[in-house]
């Protein structure tokens, strides 16, 4: 059954959830909320009006996320989406217990931002391809003290899809000096990670698994209520391909009363041939297997390519710097940016910036996103080029809990005379949301 999403009008809940998980001090698990939206979907050439309601409920440590999607056209509600009756389980988007920093944390259903360790192999992975093709996965994190002078150890684990064998990830870690009670070194941590996609080409008749192994070391150098800082080392290798290393430092400053929270991360990467860091990322489910069609001399050829095939194109070892910075002012203004630049290679800079002020203006919600790639110098940062994307999302509470949103997007298309044509795109959506 062919399904094509025509208008991305219902992603307010997705952006809000992802943003809360990446911003310091964001209380993604601290309260309940209700969000809804509307959109248009094409299925087998027929147009359907899509109504989606996504409440998130919190009862102490128990979290429940629901996702109710109704497809409606002139014939009424499309019932095929709910047959057989077993598909009713799709109403529950996820069930969770605890927070990721707790000694016991688990989440069953949709995975929005799964990270193992420092994220060198798996970072902010999401098992959601789209709202009409949902997967039920699981995260399970455990921490235990062990022995008379307790040694802290634990496990991070994830499964992307219980319906079929796809992606599995595990990280075990131990703090061998935690029982000494000696400041700083008691927090020394050793970890090991393995992540495997058993079916990247989504063909069970083939054995094309891609597996990554990693090891990491971490040491908190400052740990107070105001400032926390940590240094770390990561090693990663993708089986039958290449390997890489990274050293970095992360820090978070929390001013009294959480008036202002600032987080930062600086990482130096030493990457070998045929290796990509953060291989399993937020867009992995989209990139893991794509079908391409090429027409030459009236002959059309269709072929598929999995993401691990991209590794063969990385023919040179590369060293570079990766950085992140994020800020949160009273929970009302949130800013995050990340960037990467390879040393000694032209046009390899990548930059992402996003800002949000969902509660700053009464009855207003403002968000902005900036993406640029193939950056050569500082002059390229805001130059009008084909590698830049600007997005602004403005919402207004029109009535009760009903919000109207306007999304404005700007891209640039290079012309034959090397000039650039500005492309502007507007879209609108309605959303229903409230917190309780």
Protein backbone atom coordinates (compact mmCIF):
# COMPACT_ATOMS: atom_id res chain seq x y z
CA UNK A 1 0.00 0.00 0.00
CA UNK A 2 1.51 3.26 -1.10
CA UNK A 3 1.31 6.12 1.41
CA UNK A 4 2.63 9.61 0.71
CA UNK A 5 2.66 12.43 3.23
CA UNK A 6 1.72 15.56 1.31
CA UNK A 7 1.79 18.23 3.99
CA UNK A 8 3.77 18.07 7.21
CA UNK A 9 1.11 19.77 9.28
CA UNK A 10 1.05 17.52 12.34
CA UNK A 11 4.63 17.54 13.59
CA UNK A 12 4.30 20.10 16.38
CA UNK A 13 4.22 17.34 18.98
CA UNK A 14 7.27 15.61 17.48
CA UNK A 15 9.35 18.81 17.42
CA UNK A 16 8.32 19.69 20.98
CA UNK A 17 9.26 16.26 22.32
CA UNK A 18 12.60 16.15 20.51
CA UNK A 19 13.48 19.68 21.57
CA UNK A 20 12.75 19.01 25.22
CA UNK A 21 15.03 16.01 25.23
CA UNK A 22 17.99 17.85 23.79
CA UNK A 23 17.79 21.06 25.78
CA UNK A 24 19.33 21.34 29.23
CA UNK A 25 16.84 21.62 31.99
CA UNK A 26 13.91 20.74 29.77
CA UNK A 27 11.35 18.83 31.74
CA UNK A 28 10.19 16.36 29.14
CA UNK A 29 9.09 13.91 31.84
CA UNK A 30 7.86 16.36 34.48
CA UNK A 31 4.21 16.86 33.54
CA UNK A 32 1.31 15.95 31.31
CA UNK A 33 0.41 17.63 28.06
CA UNK A 34 -2.02 17.34 25.17
CA UNK A 35 -1.18 18.19 21.59
CA UNK A 36 -3.08 17.68 18.38
CA UNK A 37 -2.86 18.63 14.75
CA UNK A 38 -4.30 18.23 11.28
CA UNK A 39 -2.83 17.36 7.92
CA UNK A 40 -3.42 15.84 4.50
CA UNK A 41 -2.30 12.37 3.41
CA UNK A 42 -2.44 10.51 0.09
CA UNK A 43 -2.98 6.72 0.17
CA UNK A 44 -3.21 4.80 -3.11
CA UNK A 45 -4.02 8.03 -4.91
CA UNK A 46 -6.84 9.00 -2.55
CA UNK A 47 -6.73 12.13 -0.39
CA UNK A 48 -7.50 11.84 3.31
CA UNK A 49 -7.85 14.49 5.98
CA UNK A 50 -5.63 13.47 8.91
CA UNK A 51 -6.55 14.34 12.50
CA UNK A 52 -3.90 13.43 15.10
CA UNK A 53 -4.13 13.71 18.90
CA UNK A 54 -0.98 13.07 20.96
CA UNK A 55 -1.56 13.45 24.71
CA UNK A 56 1.32 12.67 27.07
CA UNK A 57 0.33 11.71 30.62
CA UNK A 58 2.58 11.60 33.68
CA UNK A 59 1.74 9.91 36.97
CA UNK A 60 4.81 10.11 39.23
CA UNK A 61 7.35 7.85 37.48
CA UNK A 62 4.83 6.38 35.03
CA UNK A 63 4.60 8.06 31.64
CA UNK A 64 2.09 7.23 28.89
CA UNK A 65 2.05 8.75 25.43
CA UNK A 66 -0.98 8.23 23.18
CA UNK A 67 -1.21 8.74 19.44
CA UNK A 68 -4.67 8.73 17.90
CA UNK A 69 -4.69 9.23 14.13
CA UNK A 70 -7.93 9.31 12.14
CA UNK A 71 -8.02 9.36 8.33
CA UNK A 72 -11.24 10.84 6.93
CA UNK A 73 -12.55 11.51 3.43
CA UNK A 74 -15.98 11.68 1.77
CA UNK A 75 -16.51 7.99 2.55
CA UNK A 76 -15.99 8.53 6.28
CA UNK A 77 -13.25 7.25 8.58
CA UNK A 78 -10.74 4.89 6.99
CA UNK A 79 -11.20 1.68 9.00
CA UNK A 80 -8.40 -0.32 7.38
CA UNK A 81 -5.89 1.41 9.67
CA UNK A 82 -7.50 -0.34 12.66
CA UNK A 83 -8.06 -3.85 11.26
CA UNK A 84 -7.39 -6.39 12.62
CA UNK A 85 -8.31 -5.37 16.15
CA UNK A 86 -4.71 -6.02 17.26
CA UNK A 87 -3.77 -2.74 15.57
CA UNK A 88 -5.56 -0.90 18.38
CA UNK A 89 -2.27 -1.17 20.28
CA UNK A 90 -1.08 1.67 18.02
CA UNK A 91 -3.15 4.04 20.14
CA UNK A 92 -0.41 3.82 22.77
CA UNK A 93 2.66 5.63 21.46
CA UNK A 94 4.84 4.70 24.42
CA UNK A 95 4.81 3.66 28.07
CA UNK A 96 7.76 4.63 30.28
CA UNK A 97 8.89 4.36 33.88
CA UNK A 98 11.38 6.75 35.46
CA UNK A 99 13.89 9.07 33.82
CA UNK A 100 17.05 8.17 31.92
CA UNK A 101 19.23 9.24 34.86
CA UNK A 102 17.42 6.95 37.34
CA UNK A 103 18.73 3.58 38.49
CA UNK A 104 15.85 1.96 36.63
CA UNK A 105 14.41 3.40 33.43
CA UNK A 106 12.43 1.75 30.66
CA UNK A 107 10.38 2.88 27.71
CA UNK A 108 8.26 0.69 25.42
CA UNK A 109 6.93 1.89 22.06
CA UNK A 110 8.20 4.89 20.09
CA UNK A 111 11.85 5.81 20.66
CA UNK A 112 12.52 9.48 20.04
CA UNK A 113 16.08 10.18 21.22
CA UNK A 114 17.98 7.03 22.17
CA UNK A 115 21.66 7.61 22.93
CA UNK A 116 24.21 5.05 24.13
CA UNK A 117 27.09 6.41 26.20
CA UNK A 118 28.48 9.63 24.76
CA UNK A 119 26.68 9.03 21.47
CA UNK A 120 29.76 8.21 19.37
CA UNK A 121 27.98 5.25 17.73
CA UNK A 122 24.28 5.87 18.52
CA UNK A 123 23.04 9.41 19.13
CA UNK A 124 19.40 10.57 19.34
CA UNK A 125 18.21 7.56 17.35
CA UNK A 126 14.48 7.49 16.51
CA UNK A 127 12.58 4.42 15.34
CA UNK A 128 9.78 6.56 13.85
CA UNK A 129 9.82 6.67 10.06
CA UNK A 130 6.43 8.36 9.82
CA UNK A 131 3.15 8.41 11.72
CA UNK A 132 1.51 5.76 9.57
CA UNK A 133 4.29 3.17 9.90
CA UNK A 134 5.02 2.84 13.60
CA UNK A 135 7.45 0.51 15.31
CA UNK A 136 7.34 -0.77 18.87
CA UNK A 137 10.80 -0.70 20.40
CA UNK A 138 12.23 -0.56 23.91
CA UNK A 139 14.85 1.16 26.03
CA UNK A 140 16.01 -0.39 29.32
CA UNK A 141 18.64 1.24 31.55
CA UNK A 142 19.83 -0.27 34.85
CA UNK A 143 22.31 0.79 37.53
CA UNK A 144 23.43 -1.36 40.47
CA UNK A 145 25.79 -1.09 43.43
CA UNK A 146 27.82 -4.28 43.92
CA UNK A 147 29.94 -5.62 46.79
CA UNK A 148 30.61 -4.59 50.38
CA UNK A 149 32.29 -1.36 49.24
CA UNK A 150 29.72 -0.75 46.50
CA UNK A 151 30.99 -0.60 42.95
CA UNK A 152 28.55 1.02 40.57
CA UNK A 153 27.84 -0.76 37.29
CA UNK A 154 25.00 -0.78 34.84
CA UNK A 155 23.52 -1.44 31.43
CA UNK A 156 21.95 0.61 28.67
CA UNK A 157 20.02 -1.34 26.06
CA UNK A 158 17.61 -0.79 23.19
CA UNK A 159 15.57 -2.72 20.63
CA UNK A 160 14.19 -0.82 17.65
CA UNK A 161 11.37 -3.13 16.57
CA UNK A 162 9.73 -6.14 18.21
CA UNK A 163 7.86 -7.00 15.02
CA UNK A 164 11.05 -8.17 13.29
CA UNK A 165 14.76 -8.44 14.05
CA UNK A 166 16.30 -5.08 13.18
CA UNK A 167 18.44 -2.87 15.44
CA UNK A 168 19.82 -3.92 18.83
CA UNK A 169 22.11 -1.86 21.02
CA UNK A 170 23.83 -2.55 24.35
CA UNK A 171 26.26 -0.65 26.52
CA UNK A 172 27.66 -2.00 29.76
CA UNK A 173 29.63 0.19 32.13
CA UNK A 174 31.34 0.05 35.50
CA UNK A 175 32.76 2.59 37.93
CA UNK A 176 35.57 0.46 39.45
CA UNK A 177 36.66 3.14 41.95
CA UNK A 178 33.21 4.20 43.16
CA UNK A 179 33.70 2.31 46.44
CA UNK A 180 36.81 4.29 47.38
CA UNK A 181 34.88 7.45 48.13
CA UNK A 182 37.81 9.50 46.79
CA UNK A 183 36.59 12.71 45.10
CA UNK A 184 36.77 12.84 41.32
CA UNK A 185 38.26 9.40 40.71
CA UNK A 186 35.30 7.64 42.34
CA UNK A 187 33.32 8.69 39.28
CA UNK A 188 35.77 7.13 36.79
CA UNK A 189 33.74 5.07 34.30
CA UNK A 190 34.62 2.35 31.78
CA UNK A 191 32.10 1.31 29.15
CA UNK A 192 31.69 -0.95 26.15
CA UNK A 193 29.07 -0.70 23.38
CA UNK A 194 27.78 -2.86 20.55
CA UNK A 195 25.07 -1.82 18.07
CA UNK A 196 23.88 -3.99 15.21
CA UNK A 197 21.35 -3.58 12.43
CA UNK A 198 20.58 -7.16 11.43
CA UNK A 199 18.55 -6.19 8.39
CA UNK A 200 19.68 -2.86 6.88
CA UNK A 201 18.39 -3.68 3.40
CA UNK A 202 15.06 -4.91 4.84
CA UNK A 203 15.40 -8.18 2.95
CA UNK A 204 15.33 -11.27 5.15
CA UNK A 205 16.73 -13.36 2.31
CA UNK A 206 20.10 -11.60 2.61
CA UNK A 207 22.63 -11.44 5.44
CA UNK A 208 23.84 -7.86 5.26
CA UNK A 209 24.07 -6.95 8.93
CA UNK A 210 26.08 -3.88 9.92
CA UNK A 211 27.60 -3.96 13.41
CA UNK A 212 29.51 -1.33 15.36
CA UNK A 213 31.64 -1.85 18.49
CA UNK A 214 32.89 0.78 20.88
CA UNK A 215 34.69 1.44 24.16
CA UNK A 216 34.69 4.57 26.28
CA UNK A 217 36.24 6.16 29.36
CA UNK A 218 34.77 9.01 31.38
CA UNK A 219 35.81 11.08 34.38
CA UNK A 220 33.75 13.82 36.07
CA UNK A 221 36.21 16.57 37.02
CA UNK A 222 33.68 18.94 38.63
CA UNK A 223 30.40 17.91 40.23
CA UNK A 224 28.51 20.60 42.14
CA UNK A 225 24.95 21.90 42.14
CA UNK A 226 26.07 24.83 39.97
CA UNK A 227 28.70 23.33 37.68
CA UNK A 228 29.19 19.84 36.32
CA UNK A 229 32.02 18.96 33.94
CA UNK A 230 33.27 15.69 32.49
CA UNK A 231 36.09 14.56 30.21
CA UNK A 232 35.77 11.43 28.10
CA UNK A 233 37.31 9.25 25.40
CA UNK A 234 35.52 7.15 22.78
CA UNK A 235 36.68 4.43 20.39
CA UNK A 236 34.42 3.04 17.69
CA UNK A 237 34.72 0.50 14.89
CA UNK A 238 32.22 -0.61 12.28
CA UNK A 239 32.80 -4.27 11.49
CA UNK A 240 34.35 -4.87 8.05
CA UNK A 241 34.76 -1.11 7.59
CA UNK A 242 36.72 1.47 9.56
CA UNK A 243 37.30 2.91 13.02
CA UNK A 244 37.60 6.24 14.77
CA UNK A 245 38.44 7.92 18.07
CA UNK A 246 37.24 10.99 19.93
CA UNK A 247 38.23 12.90 23.06
CA UNK A 248 36.04 15.56 24.54
CA UNK A 249 34.82 17.60 27.44
CA UNK A 250 31.26 18.44 28.41
CA UNK A 251 29.95 20.91 30.97
CA UNK A 252 26.68 22.26 32.32
CA UNK A 253 26.20 25.40 34.39
CA UNK A 254 22.98 25.83 36.38
CA UNK A 255 22.41 29.18 38.01
CA UNK A 256 20.39 29.32 41.27
CA UNK A 257 16.73 28.63 40.79
CA UNK A 258 17.47 27.33 37.28
CA UNK A 259 17.21 30.92 36.08
CA UNK A 260 19.72 30.10 33.36
CA UNK A 261 21.13 26.73 32.34
CA UNK A 262 24.02 26.50 29.89
CA UNK A 263 25.39 23.29 28.41
CA UNK A 264 28.40 22.81 26.15
CA UNK A 265 30.37 20.00 24.58
CA UNK A 266 33.63 20.12 22.64
CA UNK A 267 34.98 17.01 20.95
CA UNK A 268 38.08 16.34 18.89
CA UNK A 269 37.59 13.49 16.44
CA UNK A 270 40.21 11.29 14.74
CA UNK A 271 38.34 9.33 12.07
CA UNK A 272 39.80 6.62 9.88
CA UNK A 273 38.76 5.54 6.42
CA UNK A 274 35.29 4.02 5.99
CA UNK A 275 34.00 5.26 9.33
CA UNK A 276 31.13 7.66 10.14
CA UNK A 277 30.59 8.79 13.76
CA UNK A 278 27.05 8.75 15.18
CA UNK A 279 26.22 6.25 12.46
CA UNK A 280 22.91 5.38 14.14
CA UNK A 281 21.40 8.86 14.44
CA UNK A 282 17.99 10.54 14.39
CA UNK A 283 17.66 10.04 10.63
CA UNK A 284 19.01 6.50 10.44
CA UNK A 285 15.61 4.93 9.77
CA UNK A 286 15.27 7.20 6.73
CA UNK A 287 18.84 6.72 5.49
CA UNK A 288 19.25 3.00 6.28
CA UNK A 289 17.80 1.91 2.93
CA UNK A 290 16.73 4.08 0.01
CA UNK A 291 15.51 3.17 -3.47
CA UNK A 292 16.86 5.13 -6.45
CA UNK A 293 15.58 5.24 -10.03
CA UNK A 294 17.83 6.20 -12.94
CA UNK A 295 16.68 6.57 -16.56
CA UNK A 296 19.33 6.36 -19.30
CA UNK A 297 18.53 6.07 -23.03
CA UNK A 298 14.86 5.31 -22.23
CA UNK A 299 15.94 2.48 -19.93
CA UNK A 300 14.84 2.83 -16.31
CA UNK A 301 16.90 1.13 -13.64
CA UNK A 302 15.81 0.85 -10.00
CA UNK A 303 18.22 -0.11 -7.27
CA UNK A 304 18.45 0.10 -3.51
CA UNK A 305 21.31 1.29 -1.31
CA UNK A 306 21.73 0.91 2.45
CA UNK A 307 23.53 3.49 4.58
CA UNK A 308 26.49 1.21 5.23
CA UNK A 309 27.29 1.38 1.51
CA UNK A 310 28.17 5.05 2.10
CA UNK A 311 31.10 3.92 4.23
CA UNK A 312 33.01 2.76 1.16
CA UNK A 313 32.99 6.35 -0.14
CA UNK A 314 34.91 7.60 2.91
CA UNK A 315 38.34 7.01 1.39
CA UNK A 316 40.46 9.35 3.51
CA UNK A 317 41.22 9.57 7.21
CA UNK A 318 39.86 12.81 8.68
CA UNK A 319 40.45 14.76 11.87
CA UNK A 320 37.96 17.35 12.95
CA UNK A 321 36.24 19.24 15.73
CA UNK A 322 32.66 18.79 16.85
CA UNK A 323 30.88 21.16 19.24
CA UNK A 324 27.51 21.65 20.89
CA UNK A 325 26.11 24.50 22.95
CA UNK A 326 22.67 24.90 24.48
CA UNK A 327 20.93 27.32 26.79
CA UNK A 328 17.67 27.57 28.66
CA UNK A 329 16.39 30.77 30.29
CA UNK A 330 13.59 30.14 32.81
CA UNK A 331 12.32 27.40 30.57
CA UNK A 332 10.95 30.07 28.22
CA UNK A 333 13.79 30.65 25.77
CA UNK A 334 15.82 27.70 24.54
CA UNK A 335 18.71 27.74 22.10
CA UNK A 336 20.84 24.91 20.78
CA UNK A 337 23.58 24.71 18.18
CA UNK A 338 25.94 22.05 16.90
CA UNK A 339 28.68 22.02 14.29
CA UNK A 340 31.48 19.96 12.82
CA UNK A 341 34.53 20.86 10.71
CA UNK A 342 37.15 18.55 9.23
CA UNK A 343 40.70 19.88 9.38
CA UNK A 344 42.61 20.13 6.12
CA UNK A 345 39.56 19.48 3.94
CA UNK A 346 37.65 22.12 2.02
CA UNK A 347 33.93 22.75 2.42
CA UNK A 348 33.35 20.19 5.17
CA UNK A 349 31.74 22.41 7.80
CA UNK A 350 28.24 21.58 9.03
CA UNK A 351 26.19 23.84 11.32
CA UNK A 352 22.75 23.51 12.91
CA UNK A 353 21.08 26.13 15.12
CA UNK A 354 17.61 26.08 16.61
CA UNK A 355 15.79 28.41 18.97
CA UNK A 356 12.45 28.18 20.71
CA UNK A 357 10.31 30.53 22.80
CA UNK A 358 7.09 28.56 23.37
CA UNK A 359 5.99 30.44 26.51
CA UNK A 360 7.71 33.81 26.28
CA UNK A 361 4.95 35.67 24.44
CA UNK A 362 1.35 35.38 25.72
CA UNK A 363 -0.62 33.19 23.33
CA UNK A 364 2.49 32.91 21.14
CA UNK A 365 4.92 30.17 20.12
CA UNK A 366 8.02 31.03 18.09
CA UNK A 367 10.61 28.59 16.76
CA UNK A 368 13.43 29.00 14.24
CA UNK A 369 15.88 26.59 12.60
CA UNK A 370 19.02 27.22 10.58
CA UNK A 371 21.00 24.54 8.73
CA UNK A 372 24.08 24.96 6.60
CA UNK A 373 26.51 22.42 5.19
CA UNK A 374 29.66 22.44 3.04
CA UNK A 375 30.94 25.46 4.97
CA UNK A 376 34.41 26.60 3.95
CA UNK A 377 34.86 29.81 5.97
CA UNK A 378 32.96 32.16 8.26
CA UNK A 379 31.77 34.10 5.22
CA UNK A 380 29.74 31.03 4.20
CA UNK A 381 27.69 30.90 7.39
CA UNK A 382 24.83 33.08 6.20
CA UNK A 383 25.64 33.28 2.50
CA UNK A 384 22.82 32.60 0.06
CA UNK A 385 23.82 29.17 -1.21
CA UNK A 386 22.14 25.92 -2.13
CA UNK A 387 23.36 24.28 1.07
CA UNK A 388 21.44 26.57 3.42
CA UNK A 389 17.95 26.07 4.86
CA UNK A 390 16.08 28.58 7.01
CA UNK A 391 12.82 27.69 8.75
CA UNK A 392 10.59 29.81 10.97
CA UNK A 393 7.53 28.46 12.78
CA UNK A 394 5.15 30.95 14.41
CA UNK A 395 2.07 29.94 16.38
CA UNK A 396 -0.84 31.91 17.83
CA UNK A 397 -3.45 30.69 20.29
CA UNK A 398 -6.57 31.67 18.42
CA UNK A 399 -9.27 30.23 20.67
CA UNK A 400 -9.24 28.17 23.88
CA UNK A 401 -6.51 25.55 23.24
CA UNK A 402 -6.62 25.82 19.47
CA UNK A 403 -3.43 27.15 17.89
CA UNK A 404 -2.77 28.38 14.38
CA UNK A 405 0.74 27.89 12.98
CA UNK A 406 2.51 29.42 10.01
CA UNK A 407 5.73 27.83 8.75
CA UNK A 408 8.02 29.84 6.49
CA UNK A 409 10.95 28.14 4.75
CA UNK A 410 13.68 29.62 2.56
CA UNK A 411 16.11 27.78 0.30
CA UNK A 412 18.35 28.89 -2.55
CA UNK A 413 18.74 27.32 -5.99
CA UNK A 414 21.91 27.86 -7.99
CA UNK A 415 21.44 29.10 -11.56
CA UNK A 416 23.57 28.55 -14.66
CA UNK A 417 25.13 32.00 -14.30
CA UNK A 418 26.19 31.12 -10.71
CA UNK A 419 23.54 33.40 -9.24
CA UNK A 420 21.01 32.09 -6.73
CA UNK A 421 17.23 32.01 -6.99
CA UNK A 422 15.38 32.35 -3.69
CA UNK A 423 12.72 29.72 -3.06
CA UNK A 424 10.11 30.51 -0.38
CA UNK A 425 7.54 28.12 0.97
CA UNK A 426 4.59 28.80 3.28
CA UNK A 427 2.46 26.22 5.04
CA UNK A 428 -0.19 26.41 7.75
CA UNK A 429 -1.63 24.04 10.31
CA UNK A 430 -4.00 23.94 13.26
CA UNK A 431 -3.05 22.34 16.57
CA UNK A 432 -4.84 21.55 19.81
CA UNK A 433 -2.61 21.49 22.89
CA UNK A 434 -2.63 22.08 26.62
CA UNK A 435 -0.67 21.12 29.72
CA UNK A 436 -2.14 19.76 32.93
